Structures are given as structure tokens and as C-alpha cells.
């Protein structure tokens, strides 16, 4: 073999991150701490592994179908749920309704606050989640917002040009009116970042009140019309490939779901549809713009 031949396998920290155990950096620290073994031996940082290797993280094996297949869930979050795994106050969390993974964990791609509804993505790949959230990926987020107060063209121009918030200047890249009357009107607005409560704070900086807020798009991903509030749908491999491109990652080229896997997902969706669904209320339909 020549000296410049490509190394075999993938870096261990990348495989661990893809299994949903954390970011690559977190996995590097775990490897250095001796928490990871490969084929029964304590792993070293930079080690490469293949699908034939047996990997354990804190004594738990991570190889298997879930560890090797990147999965993404699209969830239509209702208001009244928090984005933490556990809440000291006992409030419901967005993780309560998600399907269980055999290995790894679901990682939320960004967050929505307690009173915000709409599109949330979850994945078992730490690498994909981190890339989708990183500012360098420049992914736009679109929200539907109901505003109480007077909104004129000058206000919209200020919000698009940029206003000073406590954590720096922020702005919308687009604002489109979508119905309503008087001082109770709906708008679609787009931001390029995921700062805490950014959409609310931008509008409130102009002296108006946000009475309803729903995320309707993340990059090229919209909420499908058949996914009701409080329900989720699992994305197909080709859709995950498109999401990887949006994040600036290469396509995964994963195999299509088997018939058995499709049937499992269908059963899960039917079960969810029979469950009580929080009332989401009526919102105006999105106009093309």
C-alpha cells in the first residue's frame, strides 16, 4: 500500500456523534477520558473504526441499526411544551411524544420556547444537528406571527435593516403580511439565526405585542399539512440527504427503508393520531412569496 493511500474506516468520534451521543468535540473528550472501547480495548483519540468493530460507550454497545442509520424526526410542537428533556416543574416536554431509540438519543435542532409552536427537527446524529444549528450554515427560519399593534411600512423597514437588541443587532430578512384586520394582523417573517426569543424580541423592540408565534419552515423543510399539532413524522432517506446538503454536509446515500421499517412507522403514526392532540387553533394559510 502506498504511503498516501486513504486511511480505512471512519474516525471514532464521528461515528459516536452520528449515533446521537453528542457533538464530535464532546466525543473526543469522552474518548480521552477512557469512556469508549473498541473490540474490548480502550479507544484512542483519532482511532478509525468500521462497521465490523464493536464499539461501547460507558459500557453500552452502540453498534446496530439505529447507530448506523441517521434518522430525522419532524415534530409539530404545540404551545405548552418545553424543549428540555426534564422539567423540575413537571411540565410536558417535546421529548415525551417521540419514538424511542434502541441506541443514542434524539437531539433537538434548535429550540422553541414554551409559548411558541410549530416545526422542530430532531435527529440521532450529533454532527447533523450541530451543522444545522451553526451560524456558518446560514439556514433561514420562517415564522408565522400574530401582532397586536400598529405595523406600518417604516416599522417593517427598520426591522429588515436591523435593530439593536441586548445581545447585538438583529433583523428580519423578509416580512410578508398575511391577513388580519386593524391592530390584530398576521405576518410571515424570516430570520437567519436561532437566538433565544429573537423573533419576539425584534417585534417587541418596536412597541407591538406578539400574541401568537409559530415556526413554519426550517431551511427547505416545511410542516406537512397532514402532520397535526402534537404529531411527528420521520423523514425518508432522500429527504435527509437534502437536509445534509442544506447543512453543507455530503449526502449520506442511506438505503431506503425496508417494508418492515415502513410498517413500524405507519403503526406509530396511527397510534399518535388516536391520541389526544392539543388544540392548535386556526391560522391563515401561507401565501407564496
C-alpha atoms as a PDB file:
ATOM      1  CA  UNK A   1       0.000   0.000   0.000  1.00  0.00           C
ATOM      2  CA  UNK A   2       1.370   3.437  -0.917  1.00  0.00           C
ATOM      3  CA  UNK A   3       2.174   5.961   1.792  1.00  0.00           C
ATOM      4  CA  UNK A   4      -0.548   8.342   0.567  1.00  0.00           C
ATOM      5  CA  UNK A   5      -3.339   5.752   0.494  1.00  0.00           C
ATOM      6  CA  UNK A   6      -6.584   6.849   2.174  1.00  0.00           C
ATOM      7  CA  UNK A   7      -6.958   5.566   5.758  1.00  0.00           C
ATOM      8  CA  UNK A   8      -9.542   2.857   6.298  1.00  0.00           C
ATOM      9  CA  UNK A   9     -12.756   3.389   8.237  1.00  0.00           C
ATOM     10  CA  UNK A  10     -14.179   6.489   9.891  1.00  0.00           C
ATOM     11  CA  UNK A  11     -12.878   8.447  12.845  1.00  0.00           C
ATOM     12  CA  UNK A  12     -14.376   7.107  16.047  1.00  0.00           C
ATOM     13  CA  UNK A  13     -15.597  10.488  17.300  1.00  0.00           C
ATOM     14  CA  UNK A  14     -17.544  10.993  14.055  1.00  0.00           C
ATOM     15  CA  UNK A  15     -19.264   7.611  14.414  1.00  0.00           C
ATOM     16  CA  UNK A  16     -20.170   8.361  18.035  1.00  0.00           C
ATOM     17  CA  UNK A  17     -21.543  11.792  17.140  1.00  0.00           C
ATOM     18  CA  UNK A  18     -23.622  10.312  14.325  1.00  0.00           C
ATOM     19  CA  UNK A  19     -25.075   7.826  16.816  1.00  0.00           C
ATOM     20  CA  UNK A  20     -26.519  10.803  18.711  1.00  0.00           C
ATOM     21  CA  UNK A  21     -24.270  10.650  21.774  1.00  0.00           C
ATOM     22  CA  UNK A  22     -23.075  14.250  21.491  1.00  0.00           C
ATOM     23  CA  UNK A  23     -21.008  16.553  19.334  1.00  0.00           C
ATOM     24  CA  UNK A  24     -17.649  15.491  17.899  1.00  0.00           C
ATOM     25  CA  UNK A  25     -15.844  17.637  20.440  1.00  0.00           C
ATOM     26  CA  UNK A  26     -17.786  16.056  23.301  1.00  0.00           C
ATOM     27  CA  UNK A  27     -16.979  12.603  21.924  1.00  0.00           C
ATOM     28  CA  UNK A  28     -13.290  13.475  21.680  1.00  0.00           C
ATOM     29  CA  UNK A  29     -13.333  14.369  25.378  1.00  0.00           C
ATOM     30  CA  UNK A  30     -15.154  11.104  26.164  1.00  0.00           C
ATOM     31  CA  UNK A  31     -12.505   9.120  24.258  1.00  0.00           C
ATOM     32  CA  UNK A  32      -9.700  10.916  26.087  1.00  0.00           C
ATOM     33  CA  UNK A  33     -11.447  10.119  29.389  1.00  0.00           C
ATOM     34  CA  UNK A  34     -11.400   6.396  28.553  1.00  0.00           C
ATOM     35  CA  UNK A  35     -15.183   6.039  28.314  1.00  0.00           C
ATOM     36  CA  UNK A  36     -15.087   4.373  24.885  1.00  0.00           C
ATOM     37  CA  UNK A  37     -13.861   0.907  23.930  1.00  0.00           C
ATOM     38  CA  UNK A  38     -13.407  -0.712  20.515  1.00  0.00           C
ATOM     39  CA  UNK A  39     -13.428  -4.514  20.414  1.00  0.00           C
ATOM     40  CA  UNK A  40     -12.929  -4.609  24.171  1.00  0.00           C
ATOM     41  CA  UNK A  41      -9.925  -2.260  24.226  1.00  0.00           C
ATOM     42  CA  UNK A  42      -9.915   1.321  25.486  1.00  0.00           C
ATOM     43  CA  UNK A  43     -10.055   3.533  22.395  1.00  0.00           C
ATOM     44  CA  UNK A  44      -7.527   6.177  21.485  1.00  0.00           C
ATOM     45  CA  UNK A  45      -8.252   9.640  20.083  1.00  0.00           C
ATOM     46  CA  UNK A  46      -8.116   9.613  16.282  1.00  0.00           C
ATOM     47  CA  UNK A  47      -8.773   5.880  16.057  1.00  0.00           C
ATOM     48  CA  UNK A  48     -10.674   4.706  12.969  1.00  0.00           C
ATOM     49  CA  UNK A  49     -13.414   2.093  13.010  1.00  0.00           C
ATOM     50  CA  UNK A  50     -15.509   0.139  10.529  1.00  0.00           C
ATOM     51  CA  UNK A  51     -18.993  -1.418  10.712  1.00  0.00           C
ATOM     52  CA  UNK A  52     -17.414  -4.691  11.860  1.00  0.00           C
ATOM     53  CA  UNK A  53     -15.972  -3.134  15.028  1.00  0.00           C
ATOM     54  CA  UNK A  54     -17.798  -3.442  18.334  1.00  0.00           C
ATOM     55  CA  UNK A  55     -17.989  -0.023  19.996  1.00  0.00           C
ATOM     56  CA  UNK A  56     -19.098   0.601  23.572  1.00  0.00           C
ATOM     57  CA  UNK A  57     -19.782   3.946  25.214  1.00  0.00           C
ATOM     58  CA  UNK A  58     -19.857   3.885  29.034  1.00  0.00           C
ATOM     59  CA  UNK A  59     -20.217   0.113  28.800  1.00  0.00           C
ATOM     60  CA  UNK A  60     -23.178   0.218  26.407  1.00  0.00           C
ATOM     61  CA  UNK A  61     -22.793  -1.091  22.876  1.00  0.00           C
ATOM     62  CA  UNK A  62     -23.714   1.478  20.220  1.00  0.00           C
ATOM     63  CA  UNK A  63     -23.426  -0.589  17.059  1.00  0.00           C
ATOM     64  CA  UNK A  64     -26.609  -1.773  15.396  1.00  0.00           C
ATOM     65  CA  UNK A  65     -29.251  -0.471  13.033  1.00  0.00           C
ATOM     66  CA  UNK A  66     -30.013   2.760  14.895  1.00  0.00           C
ATOM     67  CA  UNK A  67     -26.313   3.532  15.330  1.00  0.00           C
ATOM     68  CA  UNK A  68     -25.569   3.210  11.608  1.00  0.00           C
ATOM     69  CA  UNK A  69     -28.688   4.865  10.181  1.00  0.00           C
ATOM     70  CA  UNK A  70     -29.100   8.608  10.538  1.00  0.00           C
ATOM     71  CA  UNK A  71     -32.703   9.401  11.417  1.00  0.00           C
ATOM     72  CA  UNK A  72     -34.594  12.705  11.459  1.00  0.00           C
ATOM     73  CA  UNK A  73     -37.984  13.413  13.026  1.00  0.00           C
ATOM     74  CA  UNK A  74     -40.136  16.404  12.101  1.00  0.00           C
ATOM     75  CA  UNK A  75     -42.364  17.386  15.045  1.00  0.00           C
ATOM     76  CA  UNK A  76     -45.243  19.877  15.041  1.00  0.00           C
ATOM     77  CA  UNK A  77     -44.792  21.317  18.529  1.00  0.00           C
ATOM     78  CA  UNK A  78     -47.819  22.639  20.413  1.00  0.00           C
ATOM     79  CA  UNK A  79     -47.604  25.557  22.805  1.00  0.00           C
ATOM     80  CA  UNK A  80     -47.202  24.491  26.424  1.00  0.00           C
ATOM     81  CA  UNK A  81     -44.234  22.134  25.930  1.00  0.00           C
ATOM     82  CA  UNK A  82     -40.623  22.863  26.833  1.00  0.00           C
ATOM     83  CA  UNK A  83     -37.559  21.809  24.839  1.00  0.00           C
ATOM     84  CA  UNK A  84     -35.678  20.316  27.804  1.00  0.00           C
ATOM     85  CA  UNK A  85     -35.572  16.563  28.472  1.00  0.00           C
ATOM     86  CA  UNK A  86     -36.772  17.002  32.053  1.00  0.00           C
ATOM     87  CA  UNK A  87     -38.553  19.843  33.806  1.00  0.00           C
ATOM     88  CA  UNK A  88     -38.390  20.373  37.606  1.00  0.00           C
ATOM     89  CA  UNK A  89     -41.903  21.871  37.418  1.00  0.00           C
ATOM     90  CA  UNK A  90     -43.274  18.742  35.779  1.00  0.00           C
ATOM     91  CA  UNK A  91     -44.362  20.440  32.561  1.00  0.00           C
ATOM     92  CA  UNK A  92     -44.621  18.295  29.398  1.00  0.00           C
ATOM     93  CA  UNK A  93     -41.562  18.240  27.157  1.00  0.00           C
ATOM     94  CA  UNK A  94     -41.165  17.858  23.404  1.00  0.00           C
ATOM     95  CA  UNK A  95     -39.418  14.515  24.004  1.00  0.00           C
ATOM     96  CA  UNK A  96     -42.488  12.908  25.596  1.00  0.00           C
ATOM     97  CA  UNK A  97     -44.139  12.084  22.254  1.00  0.00           C
ATOM     98  CA  UNK A  98     -41.074  10.984  20.262  1.00  0.00           C
ATOM     99  CA  UNK A  99     -40.378   7.313  19.444  1.00  0.00           C
ATOM    100  CA  UNK A 100     -37.703   5.553  21.484  1.00  0.00           C
ATOM    101  CA  UNK A 101     -34.294   4.806  20.014  1.00  0.00           C
ATOM    102  CA  UNK A 102     -32.529   1.498  20.590  1.00  0.00           C
ATOM    103  CA  UNK A 103     -29.225   3.356  20.928  1.00  0.00           C
ATOM    104  CA  UNK A 104     -28.224   7.002  21.165  1.00  0.00           C
ATOM    105  CA  UNK A 105     -30.699   9.790  21.784  1.00  0.00           C
ATOM    106  CA  UNK A 106     -32.783  12.358  19.940  1.00  0.00           C
ATOM    107  CA  UNK A 107     -31.060  15.724  19.605  1.00  0.00           C
ATOM    108  CA  UNK A 108     -33.158  18.833  19.090  1.00  0.00           C
ATOM    109  CA  UNK A 109     -32.142  21.063  16.172  1.00  0.00           C
ATOM    110  CA  UNK A 110     -32.581  24.383  17.939  1.00  0.00           C
ATOM    111  CA  UNK A 111     -35.340  25.169  20.413  1.00  0.00           C
ATOM    112  CA  UNK A 112     -38.750  26.819  20.581  1.00  0.00           C
ATOM    113  CA  UNK A 113     -39.875  28.499  23.775  1.00  0.00           C
ATOM    114  CA  UNK A 114     -42.832  27.389  25.886  1.00  0.00           C
ATOM    115  CA  UNK A 115     -45.353  29.648  24.116  1.00  0.00           C
ATOM    116  CA  UNK A 116     -44.100  29.057  20.561  1.00  0.00           C
ATOM    117  CA  UNK A 117     -45.467  26.281  18.381  1.00  0.00           C
ATOM    118  CA  UNK A 118     -44.501  24.761  15.055  1.00  0.00           C
ATOM    119  CA  UNK A 119     -41.684  22.953  13.327  1.00  0.00           C
ATOM    120  CA  UNK A 120     -38.968  21.247  15.345  1.00  0.00           C
ATOM    121  CA  UNK A 121     -36.418  18.816  13.908  1.00  0.00           C
ATOM    122  CA  UNK A 122     -34.806  16.011  15.901  1.00  0.00           C
ATOM    123  CA  UNK A 123     -32.009  13.710  14.785  1.00  0.00           C
ATOM    124  CA  UNK A 124     -29.859  10.929  16.227  1.00  0.00           C
ATOM    125  CA  UNK A 125     -26.802  12.474  14.523  1.00  0.00           C
ATOM    126  CA  UNK A 126     -24.863  14.964  16.615  1.00  0.00           C
ATOM    127  CA  UNK A 127     -22.895  16.035  13.540  1.00  0.00           C
ATOM    128  CA  UNK A 128     -26.012  16.844  11.501  1.00  0.00           C
ATOM    129  CA  UNK A 129     -27.674  18.652  14.409  1.00  0.00           C
ATOM    130  CA  UNK A 130     -24.608  20.814  15.065  1.00  0.00           C
ATOM    131  CA  UNK A 131     -24.218  21.736  11.386  1.00  0.00           C
ATOM    132  CA  UNK A 132     -27.899  22.657  11.053  1.00  0.00           C
ATOM    133  CA  UNK A 133     -27.653  24.955  14.090  1.00  0.00           C
ATOM    134  CA  UNK A 134     -24.245  26.508  13.369  1.00  0.00           C
ATOM    135  CA  UNK A 135     -24.381  30.145  12.150  1.00  0.00           C
ATOM    136  CA  UNK A 136     -21.899  29.331   9.360  1.00  0.00           C
ATOM    137  CA  UNK A 137     -24.549  27.144   7.691  1.00  0.00           C
ATOM    138  CA  UNK A 138     -26.714  30.273   7.114  1.00  0.00           C
ATOM    139  CA  UNK A 139     -30.090  28.498   7.262  1.00  0.00           C
ATOM    140  CA  UNK A 140     -33.224  30.639   7.332  1.00  0.00           C
ATOM    141  CA  UNK A 141     -36.131  30.065   9.691  1.00  0.00           C
ATOM    142  CA  UNK A 142     -39.620  31.265   8.797  1.00  0.00           C
ATOM    143  CA  UNK A 143     -42.275  32.126  11.371  1.00  0.00           C
ATOM    144  CA  UNK A 144     -45.950  33.000  11.275  1.00  0.00           C
ATOM    145  CA  UNK A 145     -46.675  35.685  13.842  1.00  0.00           C
ATOM    146  CA  UNK A 146     -49.815  37.484  15.005  1.00  0.00           C
ATOM    147  CA  UNK A 147     -49.113  41.066  16.015  1.00  0.00           C
ATOM    148  CA  UNK A 148     -51.240  43.283  18.217  1.00  0.00           C
ATOM    149  CA  UNK A 149     -50.472  46.922  17.498  1.00  0.00           C
ATOM    150  CA  UNK A 150     -49.941  49.245  14.571  1.00  0.00           C
ATOM    151  CA  UNK A 151     -47.439  47.980  11.968  1.00  0.00           C
ATOM    152  CA  UNK A 152     -46.523  50.351   9.150  1.00  0.00           C
ATOM    153  CA  UNK A 153     -44.012  50.274   6.308  1.00  0.00           C
ATOM    154  CA  UNK A 154     -41.441  52.287   8.278  1.00  0.00           C
ATOM    155  CA  UNK A 155     -41.505  49.714  11.078  1.00  0.00           C
ATOM    156  CA  UNK A 156     -41.002  46.858   8.633  1.00  0.00           C
ATOM    157  CA  UNK A 157     -38.106  48.713   7.012  1.00  0.00           C
ATOM    158  CA  UNK A 158     -36.437  49.181  10.417  1.00  0.00           C
ATOM    159  CA  UNK A 159     -36.855  45.502  11.256  1.00  0.00           C
ATOM    160  CA  UNK A 160     -35.314  44.451   7.949  1.00  0.00           C
ATOM    161  CA  UNK A 161     -32.475  46.973   8.180  1.00  0.00           C
ATOM    162  CA  UNK A 162     -31.634  45.848  11.723  1.00  0.00           C
ATOM    163  CA  UNK A 163     -32.304  46.940  15.305  1.00  0.00           C
ATOM    164  CA  UNK A 164     -30.147  46.767  18.427  1.00  0.00           C
ATOM    165  CA  UNK A 165     -31.091  44.071  20.934  1.00  0.00           C
ATOM    166  CA  UNK A 166     -29.422  43.230  24.257  1.00  0.00           C
ATOM    167  CA  UNK A 167     -27.208  40.619  22.558  1.00  0.00           C
ATOM    168  CA  UNK A 168     -26.368  42.628  19.443  1.00  0.00           C
ATOM    169  CA  UNK A 169     -28.018  43.759  16.243  1.00  0.00           C
ATOM    170  CA  UNK A 170     -30.679  41.527  14.727  1.00  0.00           C
ATOM    171  CA  UNK A 171     -33.002  41.749  11.745  1.00  0.00           C
ATOM    172  CA  UNK A 172     -35.548  40.009   9.590  1.00  0.00           C
ATOM    173  CA  UNK A 173     -34.556  39.197   6.026  1.00  0.00           C
ATOM    174  CA  UNK A 174     -38.198  39.242   4.895  1.00  0.00           C
ATOM    175  CA  UNK A 175     -41.600  40.314   6.231  1.00  0.00           C
ATOM    176  CA  UNK A 176     -44.819  39.497   4.349  1.00  0.00           C
ATOM    177  CA  UNK A 177     -48.299  40.422   5.555  1.00  0.00           C
ATOM    178  CA  UNK A 178     -50.802  37.548   5.650  1.00  0.00           C
ATOM    179  CA  UNK A 179     -54.199  38.811   6.715  1.00  0.00           C
ATOM    180  CA  UNK A 180     -55.936  40.119   9.782  1.00  0.00           C
ATOM    181  CA  UNK A 181     -57.688  43.392  10.498  1.00  0.00           C
ATOM    182  CA  UNK A 182     -56.910  46.598  12.310  1.00  0.00           C
ATOM    183  CA  UNK A 183     -54.365  46.116  15.100  1.00  0.00           C
ATOM    184  CA  UNK A 184     -54.548  42.312  15.004  1.00  0.00           C
ATOM    185  CA  UNK A 185     -52.621  41.178  11.922  1.00  0.00           C
ATOM    186  CA  UNK A 186     -50.621  38.169  10.745  1.00  0.00           C
ATOM    187  CA  UNK A 187     -47.141  38.275   9.192  1.00  0.00           C
ATOM    188  CA  UNK A 188     -44.626  35.788   7.868  1.00  0.00           C
ATOM    189  CA  UNK A 189     -41.086  36.786   8.858  1.00  0.00           C
ATOM    190  CA  UNK A 190     -37.690  35.196   8.269  1.00  0.00           C
ATOM    191  CA  UNK A 191     -34.533  35.193  10.412  1.00  0.00           C
ATOM    192  CA  UNK A 192     -31.147  33.669   9.643  1.00  0.00           C
ATOM    193  CA  UNK A 193     -30.149  32.898  13.239  1.00  0.00           C
ATOM    194  CA  UNK A 194     -31.517  30.909  16.156  1.00  0.00           C
ATOM    195  CA  UNK A 195     -31.032  33.356  19.014  1.00  0.00           C
ATOM    196  CA  UNK A 196     -33.172  32.996  22.122  1.00  0.00           C
ATOM    197  CA  UNK A 197     -36.651  34.519  21.573  1.00  0.00           C
ATOM    198  CA  UNK A 198     -35.234  36.548  18.681  1.00  0.00           C
ATOM    199  CA  UNK A 199     -38.481  36.910  16.722  1.00  0.00           C
ATOM    200  CA  UNK A 200     -40.455  38.070  19.766  1.00  0.00           C
ATOM    201  CA  UNK A 201     -37.745  40.491  20.837  1.00  0.00           C
ATOM    202  CA  UNK A 202     -37.474  42.020  17.374  1.00  0.00           C
ATOM    203  CA  UNK A 203     -41.169  42.818  17.191  1.00  0.00           C
ATOM    204  CA  UNK A 204     -41.367  43.948  20.809  1.00  0.00           C
ATOM    205  CA  UNK A 205     -38.486  46.373  20.199  1.00  0.00           C
ATOM    206  CA  UNK A 206     -40.997  48.329  18.059  1.00  0.00           C
ATOM    207  CA  UNK A 207     -43.605  48.594  20.793  1.00  0.00           C
ATOM    208  CA  UNK A 208     -46.021  45.954  19.494  1.00  0.00           C
ATOM    209  CA  UNK A 209     -47.103  42.675  21.111  1.00  0.00           C
ATOM    210  CA  UNK A 210     -46.658  39.131  19.764  1.00  0.00           C
ATOM    211  CA  UNK A 211     -49.850  37.218  20.622  1.00  0.00           C
ATOM    212  CA  UNK A 212     -49.125  34.081  18.578  1.00  0.00           C
ATOM    213  CA  UNK A 213     -45.924  32.619  17.138  1.00  0.00           C
ATOM    214  CA  UNK A 214     -45.417  29.503  15.053  1.00  0.00           C
ATOM    215  CA  UNK A 215     -42.359  28.279  13.139  1.00  0.00           C
ATOM    216  CA  UNK A 216     -43.449  27.031   9.715  1.00  0.00           C
ATOM    217  CA  UNK A 217     -40.137  26.406   7.946  1.00  0.00           C
ATOM    218  CA  UNK A 218     -36.524  25.465   8.701  1.00  0.00           C
ATOM    219  CA  UNK A 219     -34.385  25.848   5.561  1.00  0.00           C
ATOM    220  CA  UNK A 220     -36.226  23.918   2.849  1.00  0.00           C
ATOM    221  CA  UNK A 221     -38.319  21.894   5.327  1.00  0.00           C
ATOM    222  CA  UNK A 222     -41.995  22.814   5.852  1.00  0.00           C
ATOM    223  CA  UNK A 223     -44.559  21.207   8.164  1.00  0.00           C
ATOM    224  CA  UNK A 224     -46.588  18.759   6.030  1.00  0.00           C
ATOM    225  CA  UNK A 225     -50.299  19.584   6.081  1.00  0.00           C
ATOM    226  CA  UNK A 226     -51.199  16.102   7.395  1.00  0.00           C
ATOM    227  CA  UNK A 227     -48.938  16.392  10.473  1.00  0.00           C
ATOM    228  CA  UNK A 228     -51.234  17.852  13.094  1.00  0.00           C
ATOM    229  CA  UNK A 229     -50.185  19.776  16.194  1.00  0.00           C
ATOM    230  CA  UNK A 230     -48.551  17.370  18.650  1.00  0.00           C
ATOM    231  CA  UNK A 231     -47.655  14.815  15.961  1.00  0.00           C
ATOM    232  CA  UNK A 232     -44.369  13.848  14.291  1.00  0.00           C
ATOM    233  CA  UNK A 233     -43.281  12.231  11.053  1.00  0.00           C
ATOM    234  CA  UNK A 234     -39.991  10.517  10.232  1.00  0.00           C
ATOM    235  CA  UNK A 235     -38.135  11.820   7.196  1.00  0.00           C
ATOM    236  CA  UNK A 236     -37.240   9.483   4.336  1.00  0.00           C
ATOM    237  CA  UNK A 237     -33.545   8.854   3.445  1.00  0.00           C
ATOM    238  CA  UNK A 238     -33.768  11.076   0.339  1.00  0.00           C
ATOM    239  CA  UNK A 239     -35.203  13.902   2.453  1.00  0.00           C
ATOM    240  CA  UNK A 240     -32.349  13.500   4.940  1.00  0.00           C
ATOM    241  CA  UNK A 241     -29.878  13.733   2.049  1.00  0.00           C
ATOM    242  CA  UNK A 242     -31.476  17.057   1.047  1.00  0.00           C
ATOM    243  CA  UNK A 243     -31.171  18.224   4.652  1.00  0.00           C
ATOM    244  CA  UNK A 244     -27.479  17.277   4.679  1.00  0.00           C
ATOM    245  CA  UNK A 245     -26.916  19.403   1.570  1.00  0.00           C
ATOM    246  CA  UNK A 246     -28.688  22.317   3.303  1.00  0.00           C
ATOM    247  CA  UNK A 247     -26.306  21.888   6.255  1.00  0.00           C
ATOM    248  CA  UNK A 248     -23.253  21.788   3.978  1.00  0.00           C
ATOM    249  CA  UNK A 249     -22.624  18.065   4.517  1.00  0.00           C
ATOM    250  CA  UNK A 250     -22.255  15.386   1.826  1.00  0.00           C
ATOM    251  CA  UNK A 251     -25.213  13.143   1.058  1.00  0.00           C
ATOM    252  CA  UNK A 252     -25.344  10.052   3.238  1.00  0.00           C
ATOM    253  CA  UNK A 253     -26.624   7.787   0.478  1.00  0.00           C
ATOM    254  CA  UNK A 254     -28.509   5.661   3.015  1.00  0.00           C
ATOM    255  CA  UNK A 255     -30.523   2.674   1.927  1.00  0.00           C
ATOM    256  CA  UNK A 256     -34.259   3.067   1.503  1.00  0.00           C
ATOM    257  CA  UNK A 257     -36.463   1.961   4.391  1.00  0.00           C
ATOM    258  CA  UNK A 258     -37.428  -1.693   4.330  1.00  0.00           C
ATOM    259  CA  UNK A 259     -41.091  -2.645   4.194  1.00  0.00           C
ATOM    260  CA  UNK A 260     -40.908  -3.744   7.833  1.00  0.00           C
ATOM    261  CA  UNK A 261     -39.448  -0.368   8.881  1.00  0.00           C
ATOM    262  CA  UNK A 262     -42.158   1.473   6.946  1.00  0.00           C
ATOM    263  CA  UNK A 263     -44.859  -0.607   8.650  1.00  0.00           C
ATOM    264  CA  UNK A 264     -43.412   0.208  12.080  1.00  0.00           C
ATOM    265  CA  UNK A 265     -43.531   3.940  11.281  1.00  0.00           C
ATOM    266  CA  UNK A 266     -47.085   3.665   9.976  1.00  0.00           C
ATOM    267  CA  UNK A 267     -48.203   1.932  13.178  1.00  0.00           C
ATOM    268  CA  UNK A 268     -46.555   4.637  15.272  1.00  0.00           C
ATOM    269  CA  UNK A 269     -48.327   7.372  13.290  1.00  0.00           C
ATOM    270  CA  UNK A 270     -51.701   5.647  13.574  1.00  0.00           C
ATOM    271  CA  UNK A 271     -51.209   5.350  17.327  1.00  0.00           C
ATOM    272  CA  UNK A 272     -50.394   9.058  17.599  1.00  0.00           C
ATOM    273  CA  UNK A 273     -53.465  10.025  15.596  1.00  0.00           C
ATOM    274  CA  UNK A 274     -55.618   8.201  18.144  1.00  0.00           C
ATOM    275  CA  UNK A 275     -54.017  10.141  20.992  1.00  0.00           C
ATOM    276  CA  UNK A 276     -55.483  13.452  22.223  1.00  0.00           C
ATOM    277  CA  UNK A 277     -53.995  16.319  20.240  1.00  0.00           C
ATOM    278  CA  UNK A 278     -53.616  19.802  21.761  1.00  0.00           C
ATOM    279  CA  UNK A 279     -55.828  22.411  20.124  1.00  0.00           C
ATOM    280  CA  UNK A 280     -53.738  24.452  17.756  1.00  0.00           C
ATOM    281  CA  UNK A 281     -56.364  26.957  16.620  1.00  0.00           C
ATOM    282  CA  UNK A 282     -56.766  28.279  13.111  1.00  0.00           C
ATOM    283  CA  UNK A 283     -54.003  30.210  11.399  1.00  0.00           C
ATOM    284  CA  UNK A 284     -54.009  31.797   7.938  1.00  0.00           C
ATOM    285  CA  UNK A 285     -52.705  29.744   5.047  1.00  0.00           C
ATOM    286  CA  UNK A 286     -49.245  30.552   3.806  1.00  0.00           C
ATOM    287  CA  UNK A 287     -49.173  32.575   0.603  1.00  0.00           C
ATOM    288  CA  UNK A 288     -46.341  32.012  -1.859  1.00  0.00           C
ATOM    289  CA  UNK A 289     -43.845  34.844  -1.893  1.00  0.00           C
END
